[in-house]
PDB file of N, CA and C in Angstrom:
ATOM      1  N   ASN A   1       1.371  -1.175   0.136  1.00  0.00           N
ATOM      2  CA  ASN A   1       0.352  -0.101   0.516  1.00  0.00           C
ATOM      3  C   ASN A   1       0.923   1.378  -0.098  1.00  0.00           C
ATOM      4  N   PHE A   2       2.043   1.278   0.361  1.00  0.00           N
ATOM      5  CA  PHE A   2       2.696   2.853   1.209  1.00  0.00           C
ATOM      6  C   PHE A   2       3.295   2.785  -0.446  1.00  0.00           C
ATOM      7  N   PHE A   3       4.289   1.604  -1.189  1.00  0.00           N
ATOM      8  CA  PHE A   3       4.472   1.928  -2.928  1.00  0.00           C
ATOM      9  C   PHE A   3       3.341   2.310  -3.397  1.00  0.00           C
ATOM     10  N   ASN A   4       2.389   1.464  -3.703  1.00  0.00           N
ATOM     11  CA  ASN A   4       1.409   1.870  -4.103  1.00  0.00           C
ATOM     12  C   ASN A   4       0.624   3.771  -4.125  1.00  0.00           C
ATOM     13  N   PHE A   5       1.175   4.201  -3.076  1.00  0.00           N
ATOM     14  CA  PHE A   5       0.654   5.829  -2.682  1.00  0.00           C
ATOM     15  C   PHE A   5       1.496   6.901  -2.845  1.00  0.00           C
ATOM     16  N   VAL A   6       2.630   5.840  -3.200  1.00  0.00           N
ATOM     17  CA  VAL A   6       3.886   7.258  -3.038  1.00  0.00           C
ATOM     18  C   VAL A   6       3.728   6.578  -4.883  1.00  0.00           C
ATOM     19  N   HIS A   7       2.910   6.267  -5.541  1.00  0.00           N
ATOM     20  CA  HIS A   7       2.752   5.430  -7.147  1.00  0.00           C
ATOM     21  C   HIS A   7       1.922   6.077  -7.826  1.00  0.00           C
ATOM     22  N   ARG A   8       0.803   6.758  -6.816  1.00  0.00           N
ATOM     23  CA  ARG A   8      -0.438   7.567  -7.356  1.00  0.00           C
ATOM     24  C   ARG A   8       0.167   9.040  -6.748  1.00  0.00           C
ATOM     25  N   ALA A   9       0.925   9.479  -6.072  1.00  0.00           N
ATOM     26  CA  ALA A   9       1.398  10.776  -5.444  1.00  0.00           C
ATOM     27  C   ALA A   9       1.904  11.834  -6.937  1.00  0.00           C
ATOM     28  N   PRO A  10       1.045  12.694  -7.234  1.00  0.00           N
ATOM     29  CA  PRO A  10       0.982  14.013  -8.228  1.00  0.00           C
ATOM     30  C   PRO A  10       2.399  13.884  -7.964  1.00  0.00           C
ATOM     31  N   ASP A  11       2.902  14.229  -9.092  1.00  0.00           N
ATOM     32  CA  ASP A  11       4.470  14.508  -9.369  1.00  0.00           C
ATOM     33  C   ASP A  11       4.538  16.187  -8.942  1.00  0.00           C
ATOM     34  N   GLY A  12       5.858  16.195  -8.548  1.00  0.00           N
ATOM     35  CA  GLY A  12       6.328  16.646  -7.791  1.00  0.00           C
ATOM     36  C   GLY A  12       5.966  17.624  -6.841  1.00  0.00           C
ATOM     37  N   CYS A  13       4.842  16.974  -5.970  1.00  0.00           N
ATOM     38  CA  CYS A  13       3.910  16.694  -4.740  1.00  0.00           C
ATOM     39  C   CYS A  13       5.196  17.320  -3.949  1.00  0.00           C
ATOM     40  N   THR A  14       5.203  16.878  -2.194  1.00  0.00           N
ATOM     41  CA  THR A  14       5.978  16.838  -0.761  1.00  0.00           C
ATOM     42  C   THR A  14       5.353  15.830  -0.149  1.00  0.00           C
ATOM     43  N   LEU A  15       5.530  14.413  -0.985  1.00  0.00           N
ATOM     44  CA  LEU A  15       5.277  13.664   0.337  1.00  0.00           C
ATOM     45  C   LEU A  15       5.732  12.868   1.403  1.00  0.00           C
ATOM     46  N   THR A  16       5.516  13.623   2.875  1.00  0.00           N
ATOM     47  CA  THR A  16       5.360  12.846   4.539  1.00  0.00           C
ATOM     48  C   THR A  16       5.175  11.710   4.856  1.00  0.00           C
ATOM     49  N   ALA A  17       6.197  10.625   5.291  1.00  0.00           N
ATOM     50  CA  ALA A  17       5.400   9.535   5.886  1.00  0.00           C
ATOM     51  C   ALA A  17       5.515   9.316   6.828  1.00  0.00           C
ATOM     52  N   GLU A  18       4.427   9.093   7.978  1.00  0.00           N
ATOM     53  CA  GLU A  18       4.348   8.726   8.969  1.00  0.00           C
ATOM     54  C   GLU A  18       3.499   7.491   9.696  1.00  0.00           C
ATOM     55  N   SER A  19       4.403   7.136  11.293  1.00  0.00           N
ATOM     56  CA  SER A  19       3.945   5.816  11.494  1.00  0.00           C
ATOM     57  C   SER A  19       3.563   6.041  13.070  1.00  0.00           C
ATOM     58  N   LEU A  20       3.045   4.837  12.961  1.00  0.00           N
ATOM     59  CA  LEU A  20       2.855   4.511  14.813  1.00  0.00           C
ATOM     60  C   LEU A  20       3.944   3.689  15.249  1.00  0.00           C
ATOM     61  N   LEU A  21       3.924   3.850  16.797  1.00  0.00           N
ATOM     62  CA  LEU A  21       4.221   3.009  17.359  1.00  0.00           C
ATOM     63  C   LEU A  21       6.564   1.991  16.818  1.00  0.00           C
ATOM     64  N   LYS A  22       5.817   1.129  17.595  1.00  0.00           N
ATOM     65  CA  LYS A  22       7.247   0.096  16.939  1.00  0.00           C
ATOM     66  C   LYS A  22       7.219   0.413  15.379  1.00  0.00           C
ATOM     67  N   ASN A  23       7.262   0.604  14.722  1.00  0.00           N
ATOM     68  CA  ASN A  23       6.942   0.738  13.144  1.00  0.00           C
ATOM     69  C   ASN A  23       7.431   2.594  12.785  1.00  0.00           C
ATOM     70  N   VAL A  24       7.694   3.567  13.288  1.00  0.00           N
ATOM     71  CA  VAL A  24       8.265   4.785  12.809  1.00  0.00           C
ATOM     72  C   VAL A  24       9.834   4.262  11.887  1.00  0.00           C
ATOM     73  N   LEU A  25      10.796   3.972  13.289  1.00  0.00           N
ATOM     74  CA  LEU A  25      11.548   4.232  12.454  1.00  0.00           C
ATOM     75  C   LEU A  25      11.837   3.256  11.346  1.00  0.00           C
ATOM     76  N   PRO A  26      11.358   1.847  11.358  1.00  0.00           N
ATOM     77  CA  PRO A  26      11.459   0.896   9.890  1.00  0.00           C
ATOM     78  C   PRO A  26      10.920   2.435   8.426  1.00  0.00           C
ATOM     79  N   PHE A  27      10.139   2.685   8.637  1.00  0.00           N
ATOM     80  CA  PHE A  27       8.946   3.199   8.188  1.00  0.00           C
ATOM     81  C   PHE A  27       9.890   4.121   7.184  1.00  0.00           C
ATOM     82  N   ASN A  28      10.443   5.270   9.114  1.00  0.00           N
ATOM     83  CA  ASN A  28      11.247   6.727   8.009  1.00  0.00           C
ATOM     84  C   ASN A  28      12.533   6.312   7.591  1.00  0.00           C
ATOM     85  N   MET A  29      12.722   5.333   7.685  1.00  0.00           N
ATOM     86  CA  MET A  29      14.402   5.049   7.222  1.00  0.00           C
ATOM     87  C   MET A  29      13.544   4.635   5.095  1.00  0.00           C
ATOM     88  N   MET A  30      12.536   3.867   4.860  1.00  0.00           N
ATOM     89  CA  MET A  30      12.134   3.458   3.740  1.00  0.00           C
ATOM     90  C   MET A  30      11.782   4.628   3.086  1.00  0.00           C
ATOM     91  N   ALA A  31      11.272   5.626   3.974  1.00  0.00           N
ATOM     92  CA  ALA A  31      10.405   6.948   3.318  1.00  0.00           C
ATOM     93  C   ALA A  31      12.014   8.116   3.035  1.00  0.00           C
ATOM     94  N   MET A  32      13.016   7.611   3.794  1.00  0.00           N
ATOM     95  CA  MET A  32      13.999   8.341   3.576  1.00  0.00           C
ATOM     96  C   MET A  32      15.095   7.827   2.176  1.00  0.00           C
ATOM     97  N   ALA A  33      14.768   6.894   2.831  1.00  0.00           N
ATOM     98  CA  ALA A  33      15.968   6.098   0.964  1.00  0.00           C
ATOM     99  C   ALA A  33      15.006   5.775   0.343  1.00  0.00           C
ATOM    100  N   MET A  34      14.304   6.440   0.060  1.00  0.00           N
ATOM    101  CA  MET A  34      13.264   6.977  -1.493  1.00  0.00           C
ATOM    102  C   MET A  34      12.860   8.514  -1.277  1.00  0.00           C
ATOM    103  N   GLY A  35      13.362   9.525  -0.999  1.00  0.00           N
ATOM    104  CA  GLY A  35      13.225  10.626  -1.494  1.00  0.00           C
ATOM    105  C   GLY A  35      12.392  10.672  -0.396  1.00  0.00           C
ATOM    106  N   LEU A  36      11.358  11.137   0.437  1.00  0.00           N
ATOM    107  CA  LEU A  36      10.334  11.464   1.430  1.00  0.00           C
ATOM    108  C   LEU A  36      11.089  11.956   1.953  1.00  0.00           C
ATOM    109  N   HIS A  37       9.736  12.206   3.023  1.00  0.00           N
ATOM    110  CA  HIS A  37      10.241  13.417   3.881  1.00  0.00           C
ATOM    111  C   HIS A  37       9.874  12.770   5.527  1.00  0.00           C
ATOM    112  N   PRO A  38      10.975  12.753   6.324  1.00  0.00           N
ATOM    113  CA  PRO A  38      10.266  10.971   7.570  1.00  0.00           C
ATOM    114  C   PRO A  38       9.300  12.408   8.633  1.00  0.00           C
ATOM    115  N   ARG A  39       8.389  11.833   9.084  1.00  0.00           N
ATOM    116  CA  ARG A  39       7.781  12.731  10.513  1.00  0.00           C
ATOM    117  C   ARG A  39       7.726  11.457  11.760  1.00  0.00           C
ATOM    118  N   CYS A  40       8.496  12.191  12.432  1.00  0.00           N
ATOM    119  CA  CYS A  40       8.588  11.594  13.504  1.00  0.00           C
ATOM    120  C   CYS A  40       8.552  12.875  15.236  1.00  0.00           C
ATOM    121  N   GLY A  41       8.590  12.717  15.775  1.00  0.00           N
ATOM    122  CA  GLY A  41       7.931  13.428  17.668  1.00  0.00           C
ATOM    123  C   GLY A  41       7.057  13.579  17.671  1.00  0.00           C
ATOM    124  N   ILE A  42       5.753  12.746  17.464  1.00  0.00           N
ATOM    125  CA  ILE A  42       4.411  13.162  17.579  1.00  0.00           C
ATOM    126  C   ILE A  42       4.372  12.705  19.030  1.00  0.00           C
ATOM    127  N   GLU A  43       3.380  13.409  19.687  1.00  0.00           N
ATOM    128  CA  GLU A  43       2.782  13.367  20.968  1.00  0.00           C
ATOM    129  C   GLU A  43       2.901  11.696  20.894  1.00  0.00           C
ATOM    130  N   ASP A  44       1.776  11.149  19.839  1.00  0.00           N
ATOM    131  CA  ASP A  44       1.343   9.672  20.364  1.00  0.00           C
ATOM    132  C   ASP A  44       2.031   8.184  20.590  1.00  0.00           C
ATOM    133  N   THR A  45       3.631   8.508  20.187  1.00  0.00           N
ATOM    134  CA  THR A  45       4.598   7.545  19.637  1.00  0.00           C
ATOM    135  C   THR A  45       5.258   7.811  20.498  1.00  0.00           C
ATOM    136  N   ILE A  46       4.777   6.935  21.738  1.00  0.00           N
ATOM    137  CA  ILE A  46       5.635   7.099  22.820  1.00  0.00           C
ATOM    138  C   ILE A  46       6.187   6.034  23.167  1.00  0.00           C
ATOM    139  N   ILE A  47       6.468   4.876  22.323  1.00  0.00           N
ATOM    140  CA  ILE A  47       7.679   4.199  22.089  1.00  0.00           C
ATOM    141  C   ILE A  47       8.189   3.674  20.877  1.00  0.00           C
ATOM    142  N   ASP A  48       9.961   2.791  21.396  1.00  0.00           N
ATOM    143  CA  ASP A  48      10.695   2.852  20.276  1.00  0.00           C
ATOM    144  C   ASP A  48      10.054   1.886  19.428  1.00  0.00           C
ATOM    145  N   GLN A  49      10.905   0.680  18.296  1.00  0.00           N
ATOM    146  CA  GLN A  49      10.940  -0.405  17.748  1.00  0.00           C
ATOM    147  C   GLN A  49      11.252  -1.131  19.177  1.00  0.00           C
ATOM    148  N   HIS A  50      11.670  -0.846  20.362  1.00  0.00           N
ATOM    149  CA  HIS A  50      11.717  -2.274  21.799  1.00  0.00           C
ATOM    150  C   HIS A  50      11.168  -1.838  21.869  1.00  0.00           C
ATOM    151  N   GLY A  51       9.438  -1.140  22.476  1.00  0.00           N
ATOM    152  CA  GLY A  51       8.648  -1.203  23.366  1.00  0.00           C
ATOM    153  C   GLY A  51       9.514  -1.058  24.265  1.00  0.00           C
ATOM    154  N   ASN A  52      10.244   0.455  24.562  1.00  0.00           N
ATOM    155  CA  ASN A  52      10.630   1.076  25.188  1.00  0.00           C
ATOM    156  C   ASN A  52      10.714   2.536  25.554  1.00  0.00           C
ATOM    157  N   ARG A  53      10.102   3.415  26.333  1.00  0.00           N
ATOM    158  CA  ARG A  53       9.344   4.740  26.384  1.00  0.00           C
ATOM    159  C   ARG A  53      10.514   5.410  25.154  1.00  0.00           C
ATOM    160  N   MET A  54       9.866   6.557  24.571  1.00  0.00           N
ATOM    161  CA  MET A  54      11.016   7.118  24.325  1.00  0.00           C
ATOM    162  C   MET A  54      10.499   9.063  23.742  1.00  0.00           C
ATOM    163  N   THR A  55      11.101  10.178  23.927  1.00  0.00           N
ATOM    164  CA  THR A  55      10.138  11.240  23.898  1.00  0.00           C
ATOM    165  C   THR A  55      10.061  11.986  22.519  1.00  0.00           C
ATOM    166  N   SER A  56       9.501  13.190  22.081  1.00  0.00           N
ATOM    167  CA  SER A  56       9.918  13.265  21.320  1.00  0.00           C
ATOM    168  C   SER A  56      11.261  14.264  20.235  1.00  0.00           C
ATOM    169  N   VAL A  57      11.751  14.179  21.663  1.00  0.00           N
ATOM    170  CA  VAL A  57      12.867  15.337  21.145  1.00  0.00           C
ATOM    171  C   VAL A  57      13.992  13.819  20.884  1.00  0.00           C
ATOM    172  N   GLN A  58      13.831  12.352  21.676  1.00  0.00           N
ATOM    173  CA  GLN A  58      14.750  11.283  21.424  1.00  0.00           C
ATOM    174  C   GLN A  58      14.504  10.642  19.629  1.00  0.00           C
ATOM    175  N   GLN A  59      12.828  10.831  19.817  1.00  0.00           N
ATOM    176  CA  GLN A  59      12.458  10.629  18.471  1.00  0.00           C
ATOM    177  C   GLN A  59      13.287  11.186  17.364  1.00  0.00           C
ATOM    178  N   ILE A  60      13.502  12.413  17.498  1.00  0.00           N
ATOM    179  CA  ILE A  60      14.180  13.535  16.672  1.00  0.00           C
ATOM    180  C   ILE A  60      15.170  13.543  16.613  1.00  0.00           C
ATOM    181  N   GLU A  61      16.183  13.081  17.516  1.00  0.00           N
ATOM    182  CA  GLU A  61      17.111  12.639  18.071  1.00  0.00           C
ATOM    183  C   GLU A  61      18.131  11.899  16.637  1.00  0.00           C
ATOM    184  N   GLN A  62      16.776  10.327  17.209  1.00  0.00           N
ATOM    185  CA  GLN A  62      17.630   9.010  15.732  1.00  0.00           C
ATOM    186  C   GLN A  62      17.169   9.353  14.338  1.00  0.00           C
ATOM    187  N   CYS A  63      15.938  10.041  14.189  1.00  0.00           N
ATOM    188  CA  CYS A  63      15.204  10.503  13.157  1.00  0.00           C
ATOM    189  C   CYS A  63      16.792  11.180  11.710  1.00  0.00           C
ATOM    190  N   VAL A  64      16.753  12.402  13.080  1.00  0.00           N
ATOM    191  CA  VAL A  64      17.920  13.264  12.030  1.00  0.00           C
ATOM    192  C   VAL A  64      19.311  12.629  12.409  1.00  0.00           C
ATOM    193  N   ARG A  65      20.031  11.358  12.843  1.00  0.00           N
ATOM    194  CA  ARG A  65      20.835  10.337  13.231  1.00  0.00           C
ATOM    195  C   ARG A  65      21.260   9.306  11.953  1.00  0.00           C
ATOM    196  N   VAL A  66      19.766   9.105  11.732  1.00  0.00           N
ATOM    197  CA  VAL A  66      19.831   7.916  10.644  1.00  0.00           C
ATOM    198  C   VAL A  66      19.870   8.795   9.681  1.00  0.00           C
ATOM    199  N   ALA A  67      19.407   9.744   9.127  1.00  0.00           N
ATOM    200  CA  ALA A  67      19.111  10.362   7.738  1.00  0.00           C
ATOM    201  C   ALA A  67      20.518  11.126   7.386  1.00  0.00           C
ATOM    202  N   LYS A  68      21.355  11.849   8.642  1.00  0.00           N
ATOM    203  CA  LYS A  68      22.669  11.786   8.038  1.00  0.00           C
ATOM    204  C   LYS A  68      22.932  10.680   7.276  1.00  0.00           C
ATOM    205  N   GLU A  69      23.204   9.390   8.264  1.00  0.00           N
ATOM    206  CA  GLU A  69      23.919   7.822   7.928  1.00  0.00           C
ATOM    207  C   GLU A  69      23.303   7.605   6.652  1.00  0.00           C
ATOM    208  N   LEU A  70      22.293   8.230   5.716  1.00  0.00           N
ATOM    209  CA  LEU A  70      22.001   8.380   4.473  1.00  0.00           C
ATOM    210  C   LEU A  70      22.242   9.811   4.063  1.00  0.00           C
ATOM    211  N   GLY A  71      23.047   9.776   4.366  1.00  0.00           N
ATOM    212  CA  GLY A  71      23.234  10.787   3.606  1.00  0.00           C
ATOM    213  C   GLY A  71      22.599  12.089   3.282  1.00  0.00           C
ATOM    214  N   ARG A  72      21.108  12.562   4.120  1.00  0.00           N
ATOM    215  CA  ARG A  72      19.735  12.953   3.812  1.00  0.00           C
ATOM    216  C   ARG A  72      20.098  14.410   4.545  1.00  0.00           C
ATOM    217  N   GLU A  73      20.147  15.662   4.147  1.00  0.00           N
ATOM    218  CA  GLU A  73      20.046  17.176   4.662  1.00  0.00           C
ATOM    219  C   GLU A  73      19.203  17.015   5.219  1.00  0.00           C
ATOM    220  N   ILE A  74      18.875  17.785   6.448  1.00  0.00           N
ATOM    221  CA  ILE A  74      18.618  18.396   7.357  1.00  0.00           C
ATOM    222  C   ILE A  74      18.200  19.240   7.221  1.00  0.00           C
ATOM    223  N   ALA A  75      16.386  19.531   7.037  1.00  0.00           N
ATOM    224  CA  ALA A  75      16.239  21.354   6.969  1.00  0.00           C
ATOM    225  C   ALA A  75      15.259  22.037   8.105  1.00  0.00           C
ATOM    226  N   SER A  76      16.564  22.953   8.049  1.00  0.00           N
ATOM    227  CA  SER A  76      16.489  24.001   9.123  1.00  0.00           C
ATOM    228  C   SER A  76      13.890  24.640   8.940  1.00  0.00           C
ATOM    229  N   GLY A  77      13.830  24.973  10.500  1.00  0.00           N
ATOM    230  CA  GLY A  77      12.781  25.533  10.118  1.00  0.00           C
ATOM    231  C   GLY A  77      11.948  26.330   9.472  1.00  0.00           C
ATOM    232  N   LYS A  78      13.321  26.945   8.419  1.00  0.00           N
ATOM    233  CA  LYS A  78      12.859  27.933   7.672  1.00  0.00           C
ATOM    234  C   LYS A  78      12.356  27.162   6.184  1.00  0.00           C
ATOM    235  N   GLU A  79      13.778  26.116   6.142  1.00  0.00           N
ATOM    236  CA  GLU A  79      13.623  25.338   5.088  1.00  0.00           C
ATOM    237  C   GLU A  79      12.003  24.291   4.898  1.00  0.00           C
ATOM    238  N   ALA A  80      11.426  24.078   6.091  1.00  0.00           N
ATOM    239  CA  ALA A  80      10.825  23.141   6.022  1.00  0.00           C
ATOM    240  C   ALA A  80       9.355  24.141   5.993  1.00  0.00           C
ATOM    241  N   ARG A  81       9.112  24.668   6.432  1.00  0.00           N
ATOM    242  CA  ARG A  81       8.047  26.161   6.109  1.00  0.00           C
ATOM    243  C   ARG A  81       8.176  26.101   4.566  1.00  0.00           C
ATOM    244  N   GLU A  82       9.294  26.478   3.766  1.00  0.00           N
ATOM    245  CA  GLU A  82       9.423  26.659   2.880  1.00  0.00           C
ATOM    246  C   GLU A  82       8.571  25.670   1.622  1.00  0.00           C
ATOM    247  N   ILE A  83       9.265  24.503   1.708  1.00  0.00           N
ATOM    248  CA  ILE A  83       9.087  23.487   1.491  1.00  0.00           C
ATOM    249  C   ILE A  83       7.572  22.646   1.450  1.00  0.00           C
ATOM    250  N   TYR A  84       6.973  23.328   2.742  1.00  0.00           N
ATOM    251  CA  TYR A  84       5.320  22.950   3.461  1.00  0.00           C
ATOM    252  C   TYR A  84       4.691  23.974   2.567  1.00  0.00           C
ATOM    253  N   ARG A  85       5.165  25.102   2.303  1.00  0.00           N
ATOM    254  CA  ARG A  85       4.961  26.289   1.635  1.00  0.00           C
ATOM    255  C   ARG A  85       3.117  26.869   2.810  1.00  0.00           C
ATOM    256  N   ILE A  86       4.477  27.012   4.138  1.00  0.00           N
ATOM    257  CA  ILE A  86       3.337  27.186   5.959  1.00  0.00           C
ATOM    258  C   ILE A  86       4.047  28.336   5.280  1.00  0.00           C
ATOM    259  N   GLY A  87       2.668  29.124   5.828  1.00  0.00           N
ATOM    260  CA  GLY A  87       2.708  30.915   5.432  1.00  0.00           C
ATOM    261  C   GLY A  87       2.396  30.753   3.322  1.00  0.00           C
ATOM    262  N   THR A  88       1.767  30.683   2.961  1.00  0.00           N
ATOM    263  CA  THR A  88       1.555  30.378   1.827  1.00  0.00           C
ATOM    264  C   THR A  88       0.456  30.890   1.152  1.00  0.00           C
ATOM    265  N   TRP A  89      -0.612  31.438   1.121  1.00  0.00           N
ATOM    266  CA  TRP A  89      -2.259  31.854   0.804  1.00  0.00           C
ATOM    267  C   TRP A  89      -2.337  31.900  -0.358  1.00  0.00           C
ATOM    268  N   TYR A  90      -3.537  30.807  -1.101  1.00  0.00           N
ATOM    269  CA  TYR A  90      -4.045  31.405  -2.260  1.00  0.00           C
ATOM    270  C   TYR A  90      -5.340  32.125  -2.132  1.00  0.00           C
ATOM    271  N   ASP A  91      -6.394  32.087  -3.477  1.00  0.00           N
ATOM    272  CA  ASP A  91      -7.293  32.444  -3.213  1.00  0.00           C
ATOM    273  C   ASP A  91      -8.494  31.719  -3.933  1.00  0.00           C
ATOM    274  N   SER A  92      -7.781  31.052  -4.616  1.00  0.00           N
ATOM    275  CA  SER A  92      -8.976  29.410  -4.457  1.00  0.00           C
ATOM    276  C   SER A  92      -8.549  28.047  -4.426  1.00  0.00           C
ATOM    277  N   ALA A  93      -9.714  27.722  -4.509  1.00  0.00           N
ATOM    278  CA  ALA A  93      -9.325  25.427  -4.722  1.00  0.00           C
ATOM    279  C   ALA A  93      -8.999  25.811  -6.036  1.00  0.00           C
ATOM    280  N   ASP A  94      -8.813  26.266  -6.941  1.00  0.00           N
ATOM    281  CA  ASP A  94      -8.212  25.992  -8.173  1.00  0.00           C
ATOM    282  C   ASP A  94      -6.927  26.489  -8.763  1.00  0.00           C
ATOM    283  N   GLU A  95      -6.810  28.043  -8.087  1.00  0.00           N
ATOM    284  CA  GLU A  95      -5.496  28.488  -7.581  1.00  0.00           C
ATOM    285  C   GLU A  95      -4.265  27.801  -7.174  1.00  0.00           C
ATOM    286  N   THR A  96      -4.588  27.355  -5.597  1.00  0.00           N
ATOM    287  CA  THR A  96      -4.121  26.093  -5.002  1.00  0.00           C
ATOM    288  C   THR A  96      -4.102  24.498  -6.405  1.00  0.00           C
ATOM    289  N   LEU A  97      -5.466  24.344  -6.213  1.00  0.00           N
ATOM    290  CA  LEU A  97      -4.597  22.972  -7.445  1.00  0.00           C
ATOM    291  C   LEU A  97      -3.469  23.841  -8.436  1.00  0.00           C
ATOM    292  N   ALA A  98      -3.767  24.779  -8.963  1.00  0.00           N
ATOM    293  CA  ALA A  98      -2.462  25.277 -10.471  1.00  0.00           C
ATOM    294  C   ALA A  98      -1.608  25.181  -9.871  1.00  0.00           C
ATOM    295  N   ALA A  99      -0.962  25.517  -8.502  1.00  0.00           N
ATOM    296  CA  ALA A  99      -0.046  25.897  -7.701  1.00  0.00           C
ATOM    297  C   ALA A  99       0.663  25.149  -7.900  1.00  0.00           C
ATOM    298  N   HIS A 100      -0.053  23.955  -7.268  1.00  0.00           N
ATOM    299  CA  HIS A 100       1.074  22.169  -7.358  1.00  0.00           C
ATOM    300  C   HIS A 100       0.422  21.608  -8.190  1.00  0.00           C
ATOM    301  N   GLY A 101       0.805  22.001  -9.753  1.00  0.00           N
ATOM    302  CA  GLY A 101       0.396  20.853 -10.642  1.00  0.00           C
ATOM    303  C   GLY A 101      -1.112  19.437 -10.555  1.00  0.00           C
ATOM    304  N   MET A 102      -2.065  19.921 -10.206  1.00  0.00           N
ATOM    305  CA  MET A 102      -2.465  19.680  -9.727  1.00  0.00           C
ATOM    306  C   MET A 102      -3.705  20.098 -10.911  1.00  0.00           C
ATOM    307  N   ALA A 103      -4.597  18.342 -11.360  1.00  0.00           N
ATOM    308  CA  ALA A 103      -5.751  18.673 -12.489  1.00  0.00           C
ATOM    309  C   ALA A 103      -6.865  19.871 -11.606  1.00  0.00           C
ATOM    310  N   PRO A 104      -7.312  20.946 -12.464  1.00  0.00           N
ATOM    311  CA  PRO A 104      -8.651  21.633 -11.855  1.00  0.00           C
ATOM    312  C   PRO A 104      -9.531  20.752 -11.366  1.00  0.00           C
ATOM    313  N   ASN A 105     -10.781  21.852 -10.321  1.00  0.00           N
ATOM    314  CA  ASN A 105     -11.497  20.735 -10.679  1.00  0.00           C
ATOM    315  C   ASN A 105     -12.778  20.734 -11.469  1.00  0.00           C
ATOM    316  N   ARG A 106     -13.710  19.776 -11.617  1.00  0.00           N
ATOM    317  CA  ARG A 106     -14.222  19.991 -12.604  1.00  0.00           C
ATOM    318  C   ARG A 106     -15.502  20.599 -12.577  1.00  0.00           C
ATOM    319  N   LYS A 107     -15.792  21.590 -13.791  1.00  0.00           N
ATOM    320  CA  LYS A 107     -16.659  22.553 -14.200  1.00  0.00           C
ATOM    321  C   LYS A 107     -18.066  21.250 -13.877  1.00  0.00           C
ATOM    322  N   ALA A 108     -19.300  22.868 -13.892  1.00  0.00           N
ATOM    323  CA  ALA A 108     -20.057  22.588 -13.639  1.00  0.00           C
ATOM    324  C   ALA A 108     -20.660  22.052 -15.458  1.00  0.00           C
ATOM    325  N   GLY A 109     -20.622  20.463 -14.923  1.00  0.00           N
ATOM    326  CA  GLY A 109     -21.670  19.368 -16.250  1.00  0.00           C
ATOM    327  C   GLY A 109     -21.007  18.964 -16.551  1.00  0.00           C
ATOM    328  N   GLN A 110     -19.444  19.261 -16.156  1.00  0.00           N
ATOM    329  CA  GLN A 110     -18.625  18.445 -16.988  1.00  0.00           C
ATOM    330  C   GLN A 110     -18.359  17.249 -16.988  1.00  0.00           C
ATOM    331  N   LYS A 111     -18.039  16.467 -17.498  1.00  0.00           N
ATOM    332  CA  LYS A 111     -18.258  14.462 -17.372  1.00  0.00           C
ATOM    333  C   LYS A 111     -16.273  13.479 -17.294  1.00  0.00           C
ATOM    334  N   ASN A 112     -15.741  14.662 -17.662  1.00  0.00           N
ATOM    335  CA  ASN A 112     -15.071  13.438 -18.055  1.00  0.00           C
ATOM    336  C   ASN A 112     -13.443  14.574 -16.866  1.00  0.00           C
ATOM    337  N   LEU A 113     -12.403  13.854 -16.801  1.00  0.00           N
ATOM    338  CA  LEU A 113     -11.774  14.337 -16.301  1.00  0.00           C
ATOM    339  C   LEU A 113     -10.975  15.245 -17.055  1.00  0.00           C
ATOM    340  N   PRO A 114     -10.558  16.445 -15.592  1.00  0.00           N
ATOM    341  CA  PRO A 114     -10.240  18.104 -16.640  1.00  0.00           C
ATOM    342  C   PRO A 114      -7.907  18.030 -16.037  1.00  0.00           C
ATOM    343  N   LEU A 115      -7.849  18.785 -17.631  1.00  0.00           N
ATOM    344  CA  LEU A 115      -6.049  18.192 -17.931  1.00  0.00           C
ATOM    345  C   LEU A 115      -6.159  19.325 -16.541  1.00  0.00           C
ATOM    346  N   ARG A 116      -4.725  19.181 -16.449  1.00  0.00           N
ATOM    347  CA  ARG A 116      -3.780  19.892 -16.230  1.00  0.00           C
ATOM    348  C   ARG A 116      -3.340  21.049 -17.085  1.00  0.00           C
ATOM    349  N   ALA A 117      -3.031  22.404 -16.878  1.00  0.00           N
ATOM    350  CA  ALA A 117      -2.939  23.603 -17.555  1.00  0.00           C
ATOM    351  C   ALA A 117      -1.147  23.084 -18.240  1.00  0.00           C
ATOM    352  N   ALA A 118      -1.351  23.065 -19.956  1.00  0.00           N
ATOM    353  CA  ALA A 118      -0.504  23.656 -20.440  1.00  0.00           C
ATOM    354  C   ALA A 118       0.909  24.620 -19.770  1.00  0.00           C
TER     355      ALA A 118
END
């Protein structure tokens, strides 16, 4: 399912992988190896892959260590906001879709799938 999800994602999108409990480390390692963005340090994941309690800070430190071992760069807070376009606002859903390279919404009465702008 994970690979199918990655395969179906729109070209150029920013994909983030997120998992829970004992799956966080192996899932994030797969995500990083595939060029995706891992998500860790969430408050509801309080155990590591061995069942030991782990804080959010410990999870983030582990993810950073693994990323460095895999040769992945770590984004700064400013870079992360740019990657995820935090603080960027659009005037409409159609403008948002176009800015992200996605097909527009169907117009009233349109029966086929709309095409992306060329």
